Protein backbone atom coordinates (compact mmCIF):
# COMPACT_ATOMS: atom_id res chain seq x y z
CA UNK A 1 115.44 180.00 268.97
CA UNK A 2 116.21 178.32 272.29
CA UNK A 3 119.74 178.77 273.63
CA UNK A 4 121.80 175.60 273.88
CA UNK A 5 124.76 175.38 276.21
CA UNK A 6 127.60 172.90 275.93
CA UNK A 7 130.36 171.50 278.11
CA UNK A 8 133.82 172.73 277.14
CA UNK A 9 137.14 171.47 278.52
CA UNK A 10 140.42 173.38 278.25
CA UNK A 11 143.28 171.11 279.36
CA UNK A 12 146.90 170.25 278.61
CA UNK A 13 150.30 171.32 279.88
CA UNK A 14 150.46 174.55 277.88
CA UNK A 15 149.73 178.09 278.93
CA UNK A 16 146.34 179.60 278.12
CA UNK A 17 143.56 177.52 279.66
CA UNK A 18 142.36 180.14 282.13
CA UNK A 19 143.04 182.88 279.59
CA UNK A 20 140.79 181.14 277.06
CA UNK A 21 137.98 180.82 279.62
CA UNK A 22 138.35 184.49 280.57
CA UNK A 23 138.23 185.44 276.89
CA UNK A 24 134.97 183.55 276.53
CA UNK A 25 133.58 185.39 279.58
CA UNK A 26 134.59 188.70 278.01
CA UNK A 27 132.92 187.73 274.73
CA UNK A 28 129.74 186.71 276.59
CA UNK A 29 129.72 190.06 278.43
CA UNK A 30 129.90 191.82 275.07
CA UNK A 31 126.58 190.19 274.19
CA UNK A 32 125.01 191.01 277.53
CA UNK A 33 125.43 187.55 279.08
CA UNK A 34 126.60 187.10 282.65
CA UNK A 35 129.37 184.71 283.69
CA UNK A 36 130.20 183.06 287.01
CA UNK A 37 133.80 181.95 287.53
CA UNK A 38 134.89 179.69 290.39
CA UNK A 39 138.69 179.65 290.58
CA UNK A 40 139.96 176.60 292.41
CA UNK A 41 143.47 176.20 293.84
CA UNK A 42 144.09 179.94 293.40
CA UNK A 43 144.22 182.70 295.94
CA UNK A 44 145.53 186.17 295.36
CA UNK A 45 145.37 189.35 293.36
CA UNK A 46 145.68 188.12 289.80
CA UNK A 47 145.14 190.71 287.07
CA UNK A 48 141.83 189.18 286.02
CA UNK A 49 140.48 189.50 289.56
CA UNK A 50 141.46 193.17 289.69
CA UNK A 51 139.85 194.22 286.38
CA UNK A 52 136.72 192.13 286.79
CA UNK A 53 136.03 193.54 290.23
CA UNK A 54 136.88 197.07 289.11
CA UNK A 55 135.21 197.26 285.70
CA UNK A 56 133.24 194.13 284.81
CA UNK A 57 131.47 193.10 288.02
CA UNK A 58 128.07 193.71 286.40
CA UNK A 59 128.82 190.97 283.86
CA UNK A 60 131.35 188.66 285.48
CA UNK A 61 131.34 187.28 289.01
CA UNK A 62 134.61 185.69 290.07
CA UNK A 63 135.33 183.92 293.35
CA UNK A 64 138.44 182.11 294.52
CA UNK A 65 138.34 178.83 296.41
CA UNK A 66 141.95 178.09 297.13
CA UNK A 67 144.68 178.56 299.66
CA UNK A 68 147.78 180.74 299.22
CA UNK A 69 150.65 178.88 297.57
CA UNK A 70 150.52 175.83 295.36
CA UNK A 71 149.56 172.21 295.87
CA UNK A 72 152.45 170.18 294.47
CA UNK A 73 152.45 166.63 293.16
CA UNK A 74 152.82 164.14 296.01
CA UNK A 75 151.84 166.57 298.77
CA UNK A 76 149.18 165.63 301.26
CA UNK A 77 146.12 167.83 301.50
CA UNK A 78 146.70 171.04 303.38
CA UNK A 79 144.35 171.94 306.18
CA UNK A 80 141.19 173.44 304.72
CA UNK A 81 142.04 172.57 301.09
CA UNK A 82 139.21 170.08 300.56
CA UNK A 83 136.75 172.31 302.43
CA UNK A 84 137.58 175.25 300.12
CA UNK A 85 137.12 173.04 297.05
CA UNK A 86 133.74 171.73 298.25
CA UNK A 87 132.64 175.28 299.05
CA UNK A 88 133.59 176.23 295.48
CA UNK A 89 131.62 173.35 293.98
CA UNK A 90 128.60 174.36 296.06
CA UNK A 91 128.90 177.98 294.89
CA UNK A 92 129.20 176.78 291.29
CA UNK A 93 126.08 174.63 291.69
CA UNK A 94 124.16 177.59 293.03
CA UNK A 95 125.33 179.73 290.09
CA UNK A 96 124.46 176.97 287.58
CA UNK A 97 120.91 176.66 288.87
CA UNK A 98 120.25 180.34 289.58
CA UNK A 99 119.22 181.33 286.07
CA UNK A 100 121.48 184.39 286.42
CA UNK A 101 124.41 183.11 284.35
CA UNK A 102 124.73 182.00 280.73
CA UNK A 103 128.32 180.85 281.30
CA UNK A 104 129.83 179.07 284.32
CA UNK A 105 133.57 178.46 284.52
CA UNK A 106 135.19 175.94 286.86
CA UNK A 107 138.78 177.15 286.63
CA UNK A 108 141.38 174.52 287.61
CA UNK A 109 138.72 171.93 288.47
CA UNK A 110 140.58 169.30 286.42
CA UNK A 111 143.63 169.86 288.61
CA UNK A 112 141.47 169.36 291.71
CA UNK A 113 140.47 166.00 290.28
CA UNK A 114 144.05 165.06 289.45
CA UNK A 115 145.18 165.71 293.01
CA UNK A 116 142.09 163.84 294.29
CA UNK A 117 140.96 166.83 296.32
CA UNK A 118 137.42 166.18 295.07
CA UNK A 119 135.97 163.08 293.42
CA UNK A 120 134.96 162.80 289.77
CA UNK A 121 131.38 162.14 290.93
CA UNK A 122 131.26 165.53 292.67
CA UNK A 123 132.17 167.29 289.43
CA UNK A 124 130.14 165.05 287.11
CA UNK A 125 127.10 165.87 289.22
CA UNK A 126 127.42 169.49 288.06
CA UNK A 127 127.38 168.32 284.45
CA UNK A 128 124.26 166.27 285.21
CA UNK A 129 122.32 169.17 286.72
CA UNK A 130 123.48 171.82 284.22
CA UNK A 131 120.45 173.57 282.73
CA UNK A 132 120.27 173.39 278.92
CA UNK A 133 121.10 177.03 278.16
CA UNK A 134 124.17 177.22 280.45
CA UNK A 135 127.62 176.84 278.90
CA UNK A 136 129.93 175.05 281.36
CA UNK A 137 133.70 175.42 281.04
CA UNK A 138 136.16 173.18 282.94
CA UNK A 139 139.83 174.15 282.90
CA UNK A 140 143.05 172.71 284.24
CA UNK A 141 145.73 170.23 283.39
CA UNK A 142 145.17 166.51 283.61
CA UNK A 143 141.47 166.38 282.66
CA UNK A 144 140.41 162.81 283.42
CA UNK A 145 138.70 160.59 280.86
CA UNK A 146 135.46 160.70 282.88
CA UNK A 147 135.29 164.44 282.18
CA UNK A 148 136.57 164.24 278.60
CA UNK A 149 133.95 161.61 277.78
CA UNK A 150 131.20 164.06 278.72
CA UNK A 151 132.61 167.15 276.98
CA UNK A 152 131.15 168.61 273.80
CA UNK A 153 134.36 170.52 273.05
CA UNK A 154 137.90 169.70 274.17
CA UNK A 155 140.86 171.98 273.59
CA UNK A 156 144.29 170.78 274.60
CA UNK A 157 146.90 173.46 275.19
CA UNK A 158 150.26 171.90 274.40
CA UNK A 159 153.54 173.42 275.49
CA UNK A 160 156.10 173.52 272.72
CA UNK A 161 158.35 176.08 274.38
CA UNK A 162 158.00 178.23 277.47
CA UNK A 163 160.34 180.82 278.95
CA UNK A 164 159.68 179.64 282.53
CA UNK A 165 162.29 176.94 281.87
CA UNK A 166 164.81 179.81 282.21
CA UNK A 167 163.70 180.30 285.85
CA UNK A 168 161.69 183.42 285.10
CA UNK A 169 159.01 184.31 287.62
CA UNK A 170 155.41 185.21 286.78
CA UNK A 171 155.11 188.71 285.32
CA UNK A 172 152.34 191.12 286.24
CA UNK A 173 149.83 191.43 283.42
CA UNK A 174 151.08 188.35 281.56
CA UNK A 175 151.11 185.35 283.91
CA UNK A 176 149.86 186.99 287.10
């Protein structure tokens, strides 16, 4: 039976979008499938980076295409921000077409679109060239309709309550 890949979107204002994509990568590894993850708008030593590079690098390739710190609503583009995003999209394209990966994750790509760091056409192009057997996952808040219209599966994470409202910082192993 021929493998069929789909386009999945994990969006919404709740916690868990990246975690869900990482869980899918872990599940794929359990079946001997390789995953490529491009993390946009992130830079740093998150727990997933540490364990993947230490224990799972045979099955999961993860690269970051972001600058330190956060891009906040209303900010202008920081120097090098668009260049990093484009570099990430190019790396994702290469991974998509390589035949090496069954799963490709574009982590926080929806947020890139929301902040207009890249255009919808640049991301939709990846959906257009996606080979049939490759599962493509797009995460991040604010997924635009142009992406949602093309998705085979959409999961919206909705925040009902979150302890960060009590000014708690990210905890190692849970949020970081």
